[in-house]
Amino acid sequence: MMIFKILRADEWADLQAHGRSYGAPVDLADGFVHFSTAAQVAETAARHFAGAEDLILCAVPAVPLGEDLKWELSRGGDRFPHLYRALRMTDVIWSAPLPLGQDGRHLFPELPA
């Protein structure tokens, strides 16, 4: 199973430069790196990144994260993947820009479940 992290351009640059990141300010405040599944990530973008440009979508396989990945209840009773360690550049198997469409919503590439 693939999970997804949306990063702002500066957060992506930081991850690339340092090889690891504890995420955005909300991740630091919550004590874990927030991820979404393929079914959840569009709503995550709409809710937390509405109108934001220069976003990068990162794909990470869930299984290799092992016990550091916890599935916890969040909005609407959904279970979301939360990583309780730094996200490492070596965890990311692909990344893609997440541009805004003409309707103001982010355009996602085809996502594997």
PDB file of N, CA and C in Angstrom:
ATOM      1  N   MET A   1       0.843  -1.184   0.000  1.00  0.00           N
ATOM      2  CA  MET A   1       0.000   0.000   0.000  1.00  0.00           C
ATOM      3  C   MET A   1       0.880   1.237   0.000  1.00  0.00           C
ATOM      4  N   MET A   2       0.452   2.229  -0.798  1.00  0.00           N
ATOM      5  CA  MET A   2       1.160   3.488  -0.892  1.00  0.00           C
ATOM      6  C   MET A   2       0.446   4.529  -0.040  1.00  0.00           C
ATOM      7  N   ILE A   3       1.222   5.368   0.657  1.00  0.00           N
ATOM      8  CA  ILE A   3       0.673   6.511   1.383  1.00  0.00           C
ATOM      9  C   ILE A   3       1.324   7.767   0.825  1.00  0.00           C
ATOM     10  N   PHE A   4       0.694   8.916   1.107  1.00  0.00           N
ATOM     11  CA  PHE A   4       1.093  10.141   0.432  1.00  0.00           C
ATOM     12  C   PHE A   4       1.269  11.291   1.416  1.00  0.00           C
ATOM     13  N   LYS A   5       2.297  12.100   1.136  1.00  0.00           N
ATOM     14  CA  LYS A   5       2.589  13.297   1.925  1.00  0.00           C
ATOM     15  C   LYS A   5       2.621  14.480   0.976  1.00  0.00           C
ATOM     16  N   ILE A   6       1.887  15.525   1.322  1.00  0.00           N
ATOM     17  CA  ILE A   6       1.930  16.773   0.562  1.00  0.00           C
ATOM     18  C   ILE A   6       2.917  17.700   1.253  1.00  0.00           C
ATOM     19  N   LEU A   7       3.878  18.184   0.479  1.00  0.00           N
ATOM     20  CA  LEU A   7       4.887  19.095   1.011  1.00  0.00           C
ATOM     21  C   LEU A   7       4.875  20.398   0.226  1.00  0.00           C
ATOM     22  N   ARG A   8       5.119  21.489   0.933  1.00  0.00           N
ATOM     23  CA  ARG A   8       5.336  22.768   0.264  1.00  0.00           C
ATOM     24  C   ARG A   8       6.739  22.730  -0.348  1.00  0.00           C
ATOM     25  N   ALA A   9       6.976  23.575  -1.338  1.00  0.00           N
ATOM     26  CA  ALA A   9       8.250  23.552  -2.062  1.00  0.00           C
ATOM     27  C   ALA A   9       9.450  23.682  -1.119  1.00  0.00           C
ATOM     28  N   ASP A  10       9.351  24.560  -0.115  1.00  0.00           N
ATOM     29  CA  ASP A  10      10.476  24.729   0.808  1.00  0.00           C
ATOM     30  C   ASP A  10      10.684  23.492   1.685  1.00  0.00           C
ATOM     31  N   GLU A  11       9.597  22.809   2.049  1.00  0.00           N
ATOM     32  CA  GLU A  11       9.698  21.580   2.842  1.00  0.00           C
ATOM     33  C   GLU A  11      10.321  20.461   2.010  1.00  0.00           C
ATOM     34  N   TRP A  12       9.943  20.392   0.728  1.00  0.00           N
ATOM     35  CA  TRP A  12      10.519  19.407  -0.187  1.00  0.00           C
ATOM     36  C   TRP A  12      12.021  19.673  -0.368  1.00  0.00           C
ATOM     37  N   ALA A  13      12.384  20.936  -0.554  1.00  0.00           N
ATOM     38  CA  ALA A  13      13.796  21.291  -0.712  1.00  0.00           C
ATOM     39  C   ALA A  13      14.586  20.925   0.538  1.00  0.00           C
ATOM     40  N   ASP A  14      13.992  21.138   1.709  1.00  0.00           N
ATOM     41  CA  ASP A  14      14.645  20.794   2.970  1.00  0.00           C
ATOM     42  C   ASP A  14      14.848  19.277   3.080  1.00  0.00           C
ATOM     43  N   LEU A  15      13.839  18.513   2.709  1.00  0.00           N
ATOM     44  CA  LEU A  15      13.955  17.053   2.735  1.00  0.00           C
ATOM     45  C   LEU A  15      15.055  16.593   1.789  1.00  0.00           C
ATOM     46  N   GLN A  16      15.109  17.154   0.601  1.00  0.00           N
ATOM     47  CA  GLN A  16      16.142  16.783  -0.362  1.00  0.00           C
ATOM     48  C   GLN A  16      17.535  17.170   0.134  1.00  0.00           C
ATOM     49  N   ALA A  17      17.651  18.345   0.718  1.00  0.00           N
ATOM     50  CA  ALA A  17      18.959  18.836   1.164  1.00  0.00           C
ATOM     51  C   ALA A  17      19.492  18.076   2.370  1.00  0.00           C
ATOM     52  N   HIS A  18      18.611  17.714   3.295  1.00  0.00           N
ATOM     53  CA  HIS A  18      19.050  17.094   4.546  1.00  0.00           C
ATOM     54  C   HIS A  18      18.805  15.592   4.615  1.00  0.00           C
ATOM     55  N   GLY A  19      18.046  15.072   3.661  1.00  0.00           N
ATOM     56  CA  GLY A  19      17.802  13.639   3.632  1.00  0.00           C
ATOM     57  C   GLY A  19      16.727  13.165   4.587  1.00  0.00           C
ATOM     58  N   ARG A  20      16.190  14.076   5.386  1.00  0.00           N
ATOM     59  CA  ARG A  20      15.111  13.724   6.310  1.00  0.00           C
ATOM     60  C   ARG A  20      14.389  14.990   6.740  1.00  0.00           C
ATOM     61  N   SER A  21      13.165  14.789   7.216  1.00  0.00           N
ATOM     62  CA  SER A  21      12.356  15.918   7.661  1.00  0.00           C
ATOM     63  C   SER A  21      11.330  15.427   8.673  1.00  0.00           C
ATOM     64  N   TYR A  22      11.077  16.244   9.669  1.00  0.00           N
ATOM     65  CA  TYR A  22      10.007  15.962  10.619  1.00  0.00           C
ATOM     66  C   TYR A  22       8.705  16.626  10.182  1.00  0.00           C
ATOM     67  N   GLY A  23       8.699  17.190   8.961  1.00  0.00           N
ATOM     68  CA  GLY A  23       7.475  17.693   8.369  1.00  0.00           C
ATOM     69  C   GLY A  23       7.240  19.168   8.564  1.00  0.00           C
ATOM     70  N   ALA A  24       6.001  19.524   8.321  1.00  0.00           N
ATOM     71  CA  ALA A  24       5.527  20.907   8.409  1.00  0.00           C
ATOM     72  C   ALA A  24       5.299  21.292   9.869  1.00  0.00           C
ATOM     73  N   PRO A  25       5.047  22.563  10.132  1.00  0.00           N
ATOM     74  CA  PRO A  25       4.771  22.977  11.516  1.00  0.00           C
ATOM     75  C   PRO A  25       3.677  22.163  12.195  1.00  0.00           C
ATOM     76  N   VAL A  26       2.621  21.791  11.483  1.00  0.00           N
ATOM     77  CA  VAL A  26       1.551  20.989  12.098  1.00  0.00           C
ATOM     78  C   VAL A  26       2.077  19.606  12.508  1.00  0.00           C
ATOM     79  N   ASP A  27       2.979  19.036  11.703  1.00  0.00           N
ATOM     80  CA  ASP A  27       3.575  17.745  12.044  1.00  0.00           C
ATOM     81  C   ASP A  27       4.423  17.867  13.313  1.00  0.00           C
ATOM     82  N   LEU A  28       5.215  18.920  13.356  1.00  0.00           N
ATOM     83  CA  LEU A  28       6.061  19.143  14.537  1.00  0.00           C
ATOM     84  C   LEU A  28       5.205  19.335  15.787  1.00  0.00           C
ATOM     85  N   ALA A  29       4.122  20.089  15.659  1.00  0.00           N
ATOM     86  CA  ALA A  29       3.243  20.339  16.798  1.00  0.00           C
ATOM     87  C   ALA A  29       2.543  19.061  17.263  1.00  0.00           C
ATOM     88  N   ASP A  30       2.172  18.195  16.319  1.00  0.00           N
ATOM     89  CA  ASP A  30       1.451  16.970  16.664  1.00  0.00           C
ATOM     90  C   ASP A  30       2.372  15.817  17.058  1.00  0.00           C
ATOM     91  N   GLY A  31       3.661  15.932  16.742  1.00  0.00           N
ATOM     92  CA  GLY A  31       4.616  14.899  17.133  1.00  0.00           C
ATOM     93  C   GLY A  31       4.701  13.722  16.179  1.00  0.00           C
ATOM     94  N   PHE A  32       4.164  13.876  14.983  1.00  0.00           N
ATOM     95  CA  PHE A  32       4.261  12.837  13.956  1.00  0.00           C
ATOM     96  C   PHE A  32       4.071  13.481  12.592  1.00  0.00           C
ATOM     97  N   VAL A  33       4.492  12.746  11.548  1.00  0.00           N
ATOM     98  CA  VAL A  33       4.338  13.220  10.179  1.00  0.00           C
ATOM     99  C   VAL A  33       3.002  12.695   9.654  1.00  0.00           C
ATOM    100  N   HIS A  34       2.135  13.608   9.252  1.00  0.00           N
ATOM    101  CA  HIS A  34       0.815  13.265   8.719  1.00  0.00           C
ATOM    102  C   HIS A  34       0.928  12.736   7.294  1.00  0.00           C
ATOM    103  N   PHE A  35       0.262  11.636   7.027  1.00  0.00           N
ATOM    104  CA  PHE A  35       0.141  11.084   5.682  1.00  0.00           C
ATOM    105  C   PHE A  35      -1.328  10.878   5.383  1.00  0.00           C
ATOM    106  N   SER A  36      -1.619  10.583   4.119  1.00  0.00           N
ATOM    107  CA  SER A  36      -2.965  10.236   3.678  1.00  0.00           C
ATOM    108  C   SER A  36      -2.873   9.041   2.740  1.00  0.00           C
ATOM    109  N   THR A  37      -3.962   8.306   2.652  1.00  0.00           N
ATOM    110  CA  THR A  37      -4.062   7.243   1.652  1.00  0.00           C
ATOM    111  C   THR A  37      -4.471   7.875   0.323  1.00  0.00           C
ATOM    112  N   ALA A  38      -4.468   7.073  -0.722  1.00  0.00           N
ATOM    113  CA  ALA A  38      -4.910   7.554  -2.034  1.00  0.00           C
ATOM    114  C   ALA A  38      -6.347   8.062  -1.965  1.00  0.00           C
ATOM    115  N   ALA A  39      -7.183   7.403  -1.183  1.00  0.00           N
ATOM    116  CA  ALA A  39      -8.584   7.799  -1.058  1.00  0.00           C
ATOM    117  C   ALA A  39      -8.763   9.072  -0.238  1.00  0.00           C
ATOM    118  N   GLN A  40      -7.781   9.433   0.576  1.00  0.00           N
ATOM    119  CA  GLN A  40      -7.902  10.577   1.488  1.00  0.00           C
ATOM    120  C   GLN A  40      -7.177  11.830   1.011  1.00  0.00           C
ATOM    121  N   VAL A  41      -6.187  11.677   0.133  1.00  0.00           N
ATOM    122  CA  VAL A  41      -5.255  12.772  -0.127  1.00  0.00           C
ATOM    123  C   VAL A  41      -5.893  13.977  -0.830  1.00  0.00           C
ATOM    124  N   ALA A  42      -6.874  13.775  -1.689  1.00  0.00           N
ATOM    125  CA  ALA A  42      -7.518  14.932  -2.342  1.00  0.00           C
ATOM    126  C   ALA A  42      -8.261  15.787  -1.316  1.00  0.00           C
ATOM    127  N   GLU A  43      -8.927  15.148  -0.365  1.00  0.00           N
ATOM    128  CA  GLU A  43      -9.604  15.915   0.683  1.00  0.00           C
ATOM    129  C   GLU A  43      -8.587  16.618   1.577  1.00  0.00           C
ATOM    130  N   THR A  44      -7.472  15.958   1.849  1.00  0.00           N
ATOM    131  CA  THR A  44      -6.402  16.592   2.636  1.00  0.00           C
ATOM    132  C   THR A  44      -5.919  17.859   1.928  1.00  0.00           C
ATOM    133  N   ALA A  45      -5.710  17.765   0.625  1.00  0.00           N
ATOM    134  CA  ALA A  45      -5.264  18.935  -0.140  1.00  0.00           C
ATOM    135  C   ALA A  45      -6.300  20.045  -0.085  1.00  0.00           C
ATOM    136  N   ALA A  46      -7.566  19.696  -0.276  1.00  0.00           N
ATOM    137  CA  ALA A  46      -8.629  20.704  -0.263  1.00  0.00           C
ATOM    138  C   ALA A  46      -8.791  21.352   1.109  1.00  0.00           C
ATOM    139  N   ARG A  47      -8.634  20.572   2.139  1.00  0.00           N
ATOM    140  CA  ARG A  47      -8.863  21.059   3.506  1.00  0.00           C
ATOM    141  C   ARG A  47      -7.684  21.863   4.043  1.00  0.00           C
ATOM    142  N   HIS A  48      -6.469  21.393   3.787  1.00  0.00           N
ATOM    143  CA  HIS A  48      -5.287  21.995   4.423  1.00  0.00           C
ATOM    144  C   HIS A  48      -4.387  22.786   3.479  1.00  0.00           C
ATOM    145  N   PHE A  49      -4.605  22.656   2.166  1.00  0.00           N
ATOM    146  CA  PHE A  49      -3.730  23.325   1.195  1.00  0.00           C
ATOM    147  C   PHE A  49      -4.527  24.067   0.129  1.00  0.00           C
ATOM    148  N   ALA A  50      -5.756  24.440   0.434  1.00  0.00           N
ATOM    149  CA  ALA A  50      -6.625  25.100  -0.545  1.00  0.00           C
ATOM    150  C   ALA A  50      -5.935  26.323  -1.154  1.00  0.00           C
ATOM    151  N   GLY A  51      -5.871  26.356  -2.469  1.00  0.00           N
ATOM    152  CA  GLY A  51      -5.285  27.485  -3.180  1.00  0.00           C
ATOM    153  C   GLY A  51      -3.769  27.553  -3.161  1.00  0.00           C
ATOM    154  N   ALA A  52      -3.126  26.642  -2.457  1.00  0.00           N
ATOM    155  CA  ALA A  52      -1.663  26.686  -2.345  1.00  0.00           C
ATOM    156  C   ALA A  52      -1.000  26.208  -3.635  1.00  0.00           C
ATOM    157  N   GLU A  53       0.009  26.931  -4.038  1.00  0.00           N
ATOM    158  CA  GLU A  53       0.789  26.556  -5.211  1.00  0.00           C
ATOM    159  C   GLU A  53       2.118  25.994  -4.748  1.00  0.00           C
ATOM    160  N   ASP A  54       2.889  25.482  -5.695  1.00  0.00           N
ATOM    161  CA  ASP A  54       4.230  24.958  -5.417  1.00  0.00           C
ATOM    162  C   ASP A  54       4.210  23.802  -4.424  1.00  0.00           C
ATOM    163  N   LEU A  55       3.226  22.926  -4.562  1.00  0.00           N
ATOM    164  CA  LEU A  55       3.160  21.741  -3.707  1.00  0.00           C
ATOM    165  C   LEU A  55       3.759  20.542  -4.423  1.00  0.00           C
ATOM    166  N   ILE A  56       4.293  19.634  -3.625  1.00  0.00           N
ATOM    167  CA  ILE A  56       4.856  18.380  -4.123  1.00  0.00           C
ATOM    168  C   ILE A  56       4.140  17.238  -3.421  1.00  0.00           C
ATOM    169  N   LEU A  57       3.732  16.251  -4.195  1.00  0.00           N
ATOM    170  CA  LEU A  57       3.123  15.046  -3.659  1.00  0.00           C
ATOM    171  C   LEU A  57       4.184  13.960  -3.625  1.00  0.00           C
ATOM    172  N   CYS A  58       4.396  13.383  -2.457  1.00  0.00           N
ATOM    173  CA  CYS A  58       5.382  12.325  -2.279  1.00  0.00           C
ATOM    174  C   CYS A  58       4.673  11.003  -2.007  1.00  0.00           C
ATOM    175  N   ALA A  59       5.139   9.961  -2.658  1.00  0.00           N
ATOM    176  CA  ALA A  59       4.593   8.614  -2.465  1.00  0.00           C
ATOM    177  C   ALA A  59       5.580   7.785  -1.661  1.00  0.00           C
ATOM    178  N   VAL A  60       5.055   7.103  -0.649  1.00  0.00           N
ATOM    179  CA  VAL A  60       5.875   6.306   0.267  1.00  0.00           C
ATOM    180  C   VAL A  60       5.184   4.955   0.474  1.00  0.00           C
ATOM    181  N   PRO A  61       5.891   3.854   0.262  1.00  0.00           N
ATOM    182  CA  PRO A  61       5.289   2.560   0.579  1.00  0.00           C
ATOM    183  C   PRO A  61       5.122   2.422   2.091  1.00  0.00           C
ATOM    184  N   ALA A  62       3.952   1.984   2.521  1.00  0.00           N
ATOM    185  CA  ALA A  62       3.651   1.916   3.951  1.00  0.00           C
ATOM    186  C   ALA A  62       4.398   0.782   4.661  1.00  0.00           C
ATOM    187  N   VAL A  63       4.473  -0.382   4.061  1.00  0.00           N
ATOM    188  CA  VAL A  63       4.996  -1.564   4.748  1.00  0.00           C
ATOM    189  C   VAL A  63       6.429  -1.385   5.260  1.00  0.00           C
ATOM    190  N   PRO A  64       7.360  -0.836   4.464  1.00  0.00           N
ATOM    191  CA  PRO A  64       8.732  -0.700   4.974  1.00  0.00           C
ATOM    192  C   PRO A  64       8.878   0.232   6.180  1.00  0.00           C
ATOM    193  N   LEU A  65       7.870   1.058   6.452  1.00  0.00           N
ATOM    194  CA  LEU A  65       7.948   1.966   7.602  1.00  0.00           C
ATOM    195  C   LEU A  65       7.775   1.220   8.920  1.00  0.00           C
ATOM    196  N   GLY A  66       7.259   0.011   8.848  1.00  0.00           N
ATOM    197  CA  GLY A  66       7.165  -0.861  10.016  1.00  0.00           C
ATOM    198  C   GLY A  66       6.368  -0.263  11.154  1.00  0.00           C
ATOM    199  N   GLU A  67       6.868  -0.490  12.362  1.00  0.00           N
ATOM    200  CA  GLU A  67       6.168  -0.065  13.575  1.00  0.00           C
ATOM    201  C   GLU A  67       6.174   1.445  13.785  1.00  0.00           C
ATOM    202  N   ASP A  68       6.979   2.167  13.005  1.00  0.00           N
ATOM    203  CA  ASP A  68       6.993   3.627  13.121  1.00  0.00           C
ATOM    204  C   ASP A  68       5.738   4.260  12.517  1.00  0.00           C
ATOM    205  N   LEU A  69       4.992   3.483  11.714  1.00  0.00           N
ATOM    206  CA  LEU A  69       3.763   3.965  11.110  1.00  0.00           C
ATOM    207  C   LEU A  69       2.576   3.455  11.910  1.00  0.00           C
ATOM    208  N   LYS A  70       1.757   4.379  12.378  1.00  0.00           N
ATOM    209  CA  LYS A  70       0.557   4.049  13.155  1.00  0.00           C
ATOM    210  C   LYS A  70      -0.667   4.516  12.377  1.00  0.00           C
ATOM    211  N   TRP A  71      -1.719   3.720  12.396  1.00  0.00           N
ATOM    212  CA  TRP A  71      -2.990   4.076  11.767  1.00  0.00           C
ATOM    213  C   TRP A  71      -3.921   4.539  12.872  1.00  0.00           C
ATOM    214  N   GLU A  72      -4.260   5.840  12.845  1.00  0.00           N
ATOM    215  CA  GLU A  72      -5.013   6.427  13.942  1.00  0.00           C
ATOM    216  C   GLU A  72      -6.263   7.137  13.440  1.00  0.00           C
ATOM    217  N   LEU A  73      -7.298   7.114  14.279  1.00  0.00           N
ATOM    218  CA  LEU A  73      -8.557   7.774  13.934  1.00  0.00           C
ATOM    219  C   LEU A  73      -8.354   9.277  13.826  1.00  0.00           C
ATOM    220  N   SER A  74      -9.008   9.831  12.815  1.00  0.00           N
ATOM    221  CA  SER A  74      -8.959  11.273  12.617  1.00  0.00           C
ATOM    222  C   SER A  74     -10.320  11.704  12.108  1.00  0.00           C
ATOM    223  N   ARG A  75     -10.341  12.701  11.238  1.00  0.00           N
ATOM    224  CA  ARG A  75     -11.605  13.285  10.792  1.00  0.00           C
ATOM    225  C   ARG A  75     -12.569  12.239  10.239  1.00  0.00           C
ATOM    226  N   GLY A  76     -13.793  12.369  10.612  1.00  0.00           N
ATOM    227  CA  GLY A  76     -14.840  11.507  10.096  1.00  0.00           C
ATOM    228  C   GLY A  76     -14.701  10.042  10.455  1.00  0.00           C
ATOM    229  N   GLY A  77     -13.882   9.734  11.445  1.00  0.00           N
ATOM    230  CA  GLY A  77     -13.691   8.349  11.845  1.00  0.00           C
ATOM    231  C   GLY A  77     -12.753   7.561  10.949  1.00  0.00           C
ATOM    232  N   ASP A  78     -12.148   8.212   9.952  1.00  0.00           N
ATOM    233  CA  ASP A  78     -11.171   7.543   9.091  1.00  0.00           C
ATOM    234  C   ASP A  78      -9.879   7.301   9.843  1.00  0.00           C
ATOM    235  N   ARG A  79      -9.214   6.234   9.481  1.00  0.00           N
ATOM    236  CA  ARG A  79      -7.870   5.969  10.008  1.00  0.00           C
ATOM    237  C   ARG A  79      -6.849   6.579   9.037  1.00  0.00           C
ATOM    238  N   PHE A  80      -5.972   7.400   9.601  1.00  0.00           N
ATOM    239  CA  PHE A  80      -4.928   8.035   8.808  1.00  0.00           C
ATOM    240  C   PHE A  80      -3.572   7.495   9.232  1.00  0.00           C
ATOM    241  N   PRO A  81      -2.643   7.380   8.277  1.00  0.00           N
ATOM    242  CA  PRO A  81      -1.289   6.941   8.606  1.00  0.00           C
ATOM    243  C   PRO A  81      -0.464   8.094   9.188  1.00  0.00           C
ATOM    244  N   HIS A  82       0.149   7.834  10.337  1.00  0.00           N
ATOM    245  CA  HIS A  82       0.998   8.814  11.021  1.00  0.00           C
ATOM    246  C   HIS A  82       2.359   8.188  11.258  1.00  0.00           C
ATOM    247  N   LEU A  83       3.405   8.876  10.830  1.00  0.00           N
ATOM    248  CA  LEU A  83       4.768   8.369  10.960  1.00  0.00           C
ATOM    249  C   LEU A  83       5.422   8.987  12.190  1.00  0.00           C
ATOM    250  N   TYR A  84       5.836   8.136  13.104  1.00  0.00           N
ATOM    251  CA  TYR A  84       6.448   8.586  14.357  1.00  0.00           C
ATOM    252  C   TYR A  84       7.970   8.509  14.287  1.00  0.00           C
ATOM    253  N   ARG A  85       8.503   9.086  13.265  1.00  0.00           N
ATOM    254  CA  ARG A  85       9.935   9.323  13.088  1.00  0.00           C
ATOM    255  C   ARG A  85      10.064  10.278  11.913  1.00  0.00           C
ATOM    256  N   ALA A  86      11.268  10.683  11.629  1.00  0.00           N
ATOM    257  CA  ALA A  86      11.473  11.575  10.491  1.00  0.00           C
ATOM    258  C   ALA A  86      11.140  10.854   9.188  1.00  0.00           C
ATOM    259  N   LEU A  87      10.590  11.599   8.249  1.00  0.00           N
ATOM    260  CA  LEU A  87      10.443  11.110   6.896  1.00  0.00           C
ATOM    261  C   LEU A  87      11.823  11.201   6.257  1.00  0.00           C
ATOM    262  N   ARG A  88      12.279  10.116   5.691  1.00  0.00           N
ATOM    263  CA  ARG A  88      13.600  10.087   5.058  1.00  0.00           C
ATOM    264  C   ARG A  88      13.437  10.161   3.546  1.00  0.00           C
ATOM    265  N   MET A  89      14.372  10.798   2.913  1.00  0.00           N
ATOM    266  CA  MET A  89      14.341  10.875   1.454  1.00  0.00           C
ATOM    267  C   MET A  89      14.329   9.464   0.867  1.00  0.00           C
ATOM    268  N   THR A  90      14.989   8.539   1.525  1.00  0.00           N
ATOM    269  CA  THR A  90      15.020   7.157   1.036  1.00  0.00           C
ATOM    270  C   THR A  90      13.671   6.456   1.165  1.00  0.00           C
ATOM    271  N   ASP A  91      12.734   7.010   1.944  1.00  0.00           N
ATOM    272  CA  ASP A  91      11.385   6.459   2.044  1.00  0.00           C
ATOM    273  C   ASP A  91      10.550   6.785   0.806  1.00  0.00           C
ATOM    274  N   VAL A  92      10.864   7.896   0.160  1.00  0.00           N
ATOM    275  CA  VAL A  92      10.064   8.411  -0.955  1.00  0.00           C
ATOM    276  C   VAL A  92      10.440   7.673  -2.236  1.00  0.00           C
ATOM    277  N   ILE A  93       9.443   7.026  -2.863  1.00  0.00           N
ATOM    278  CA  ILE A  93       9.766   6.308  -4.099  1.00  0.00           C
ATOM    279  C   ILE A  93       9.455   7.132  -5.351  1.00  0.00           C
ATOM    280  N   TRP A  94       8.567   8.106  -5.233  1.00  0.00           N
ATOM    281  CA  TRP A  94       8.376   9.064  -6.318  1.00  0.00           C
ATOM    282  C   TRP A  94       7.742  10.327  -5.761  1.00  0.00           C
ATOM    283  N   SER A  95       7.909  11.374  -6.542  1.00  0.00           N
ATOM    284  CA  SER A  95       7.292  12.651  -6.197  1.00  0.00           C
ATOM    285  C   SER A  95       6.798  13.287  -7.485  1.00  0.00           C
ATOM    286  N   ALA A  96       5.817  14.161  -7.338  1.00  0.00           N
ATOM    287  CA  ALA A  96       5.249  14.848  -8.499  1.00  0.00           C
ATOM    288  C   ALA A  96       4.709  16.199  -8.058  1.00  0.00           C
ATOM    289  N   PRO A  97       4.783  17.184  -8.947  1.00  0.00           N
ATOM    290  CA  PRO A  97       4.158  18.476  -8.639  1.00  0.00           C
ATOM    291  C   PRO A  97       2.656  18.291  -8.472  1.00  0.00           C
ATOM    292  N   LEU A  98       2.072  19.156  -7.668  1.00  0.00           N
ATOM    293  CA  LEU A  98       0.632  19.119  -7.419  1.00  0.00           C
ATOM    294  C   LEU A  98       0.061  20.495  -7.812  1.00  0.00           C
ATOM    295  N   PRO A  99      -0.095  20.717  -9.113  1.00  0.00           N
ATOM    296  CA  PRO A  99      -0.541  22.039  -9.569  1.00  0.00           C
ATOM    297  C   PRO A  99      -2.021  22.268  -9.303  1.00  0.00           C
ATOM    298  N   LEU A 100      -2.388  23.529  -9.379  1.00  0.00           N
ATOM    299  CA  LEU A 100      -3.793  23.913  -9.266  1.00  0.00           C
ATOM    300  C   LEU A 100      -4.447  23.858 -10.635  1.00  0.00           C
ATOM    301  N   GLY A 101      -5.646  23.325 -10.673  1.00  0.00           N
ATOM    302  CA  GLY A 101      -6.421  23.338 -11.897  1.00  0.00           C
ATOM    303  C   GLY A 101      -7.149  24.658 -12.056  1.00  0.00           C
ATOM    304  N   GLN A 102      -7.822  24.821 -13.174  1.00  0.00           N
ATOM    305  CA  GLN A 102      -8.549  26.058 -13.437  1.00  0.00           C
ATOM    306  C   GLN A 102      -9.663  26.292 -12.418  1.00  0.00           C
ATOM    307  N   ASP A 103     -10.156  25.203 -11.823  1.00  0.00           N
ATOM    308  CA  ASP A 103     -11.217  25.328 -10.822  1.00  0.00           C
ATOM    309  C   ASP A 103     -10.679  25.597  -9.419  1.00  0.00           C
ATOM    310  N   GLY A 104      -9.335  25.734  -9.300  1.00  0.00           N
ATOM    311  CA  GLY A 104      -8.724  26.028  -8.010  1.00  0.00           C
ATOM    312  C   GLY A 104      -8.432  24.798  -7.169  1.00  0.00           C
ATOM    313  N   ARG A 105      -8.769  23.618  -7.683  1.00  0.00           N
ATOM    314  CA  ARG A 105      -8.469  22.374  -6.970  1.00  0.00           C
ATOM    315  C   ARG A 105      -7.186  21.771  -7.525  1.00  0.00           C
ATOM    316  N   HIS A 106      -6.482  21.056  -6.689  1.00  0.00           N
ATOM    317  CA  HIS A 106      -5.226  20.457  -7.100  1.00  0.00           C
ATOM    318  C   HIS A 106      -5.457  19.302  -8.066  1.00  0.00           C
ATOM    319  N   LEU A 107      -4.556  19.208  -9.048  1.00  0.00           N
ATOM    320  CA  LEU A 107      -4.602  18.148 -10.043  1.00  0.00           C
ATOM    321  C   LEU A 107      -3.649  17.036  -9.632  1.00  0.00           C
ATOM    322  N   PHE A 108      -4.207  15.864  -9.378  1.00  0.00           N
ATOM    323  CA  PHE A 108      -3.426  14.734  -8.908  1.00  0.00           C
ATOM    324  C   PHE A 108      -3.056  13.805 -10.056  1.00  0.00           C
ATOM    325  N   PRO A 109      -1.864  13.225  -9.991  1.00  0.00           N
ATOM    326  CA  PRO A 109      -1.553  12.161 -10.944  1.00  0.00           C
ATOM    327  C   PRO A 109      -2.382  10.938 -10.582  1.00  0.00           C
ATOM    328  N   GLU A 110      -2.392   9.945 -11.449  1.00  0.00           N
ATOM    329  CA  GLU A 110      -3.076   8.698 -11.114  1.00  0.00           C
ATOM    330  C   GLU A 110      -2.353   8.057  -9.933  1.00  0.00           C
ATOM    331  N   LEU A 111      -3.103   7.711  -8.908  1.00  0.00           N
ATOM    332  CA  LEU A 111      -2.509   7.204  -7.673  1.00  0.00           C
ATOM    333  C   LEU A 111      -2.778   5.717  -7.491  1.00  0.00           C
ATOM    334  N   PRO A 112      -1.722   4.967  -7.181  1.00  0.00           N
ATOM    335  CA  PRO A 112      -1.949   3.565  -6.822  1.00  0.00           C
ATOM    336  C   PRO A 112      -2.535   3.495  -5.428  1.00  0.00           C
ATOM    337  N   ALA A 113      -3.378   2.515  -5.199  1.00  0.00           N
ATOM    338  CA  ALA A 113      -3.999   2.363  -3.867  1.00  0.00           C
ATOM    339  C   ALA A 113      -3.004   1.834  -2.873  1.00  0.00           C
TER     340      ALA A 113
END
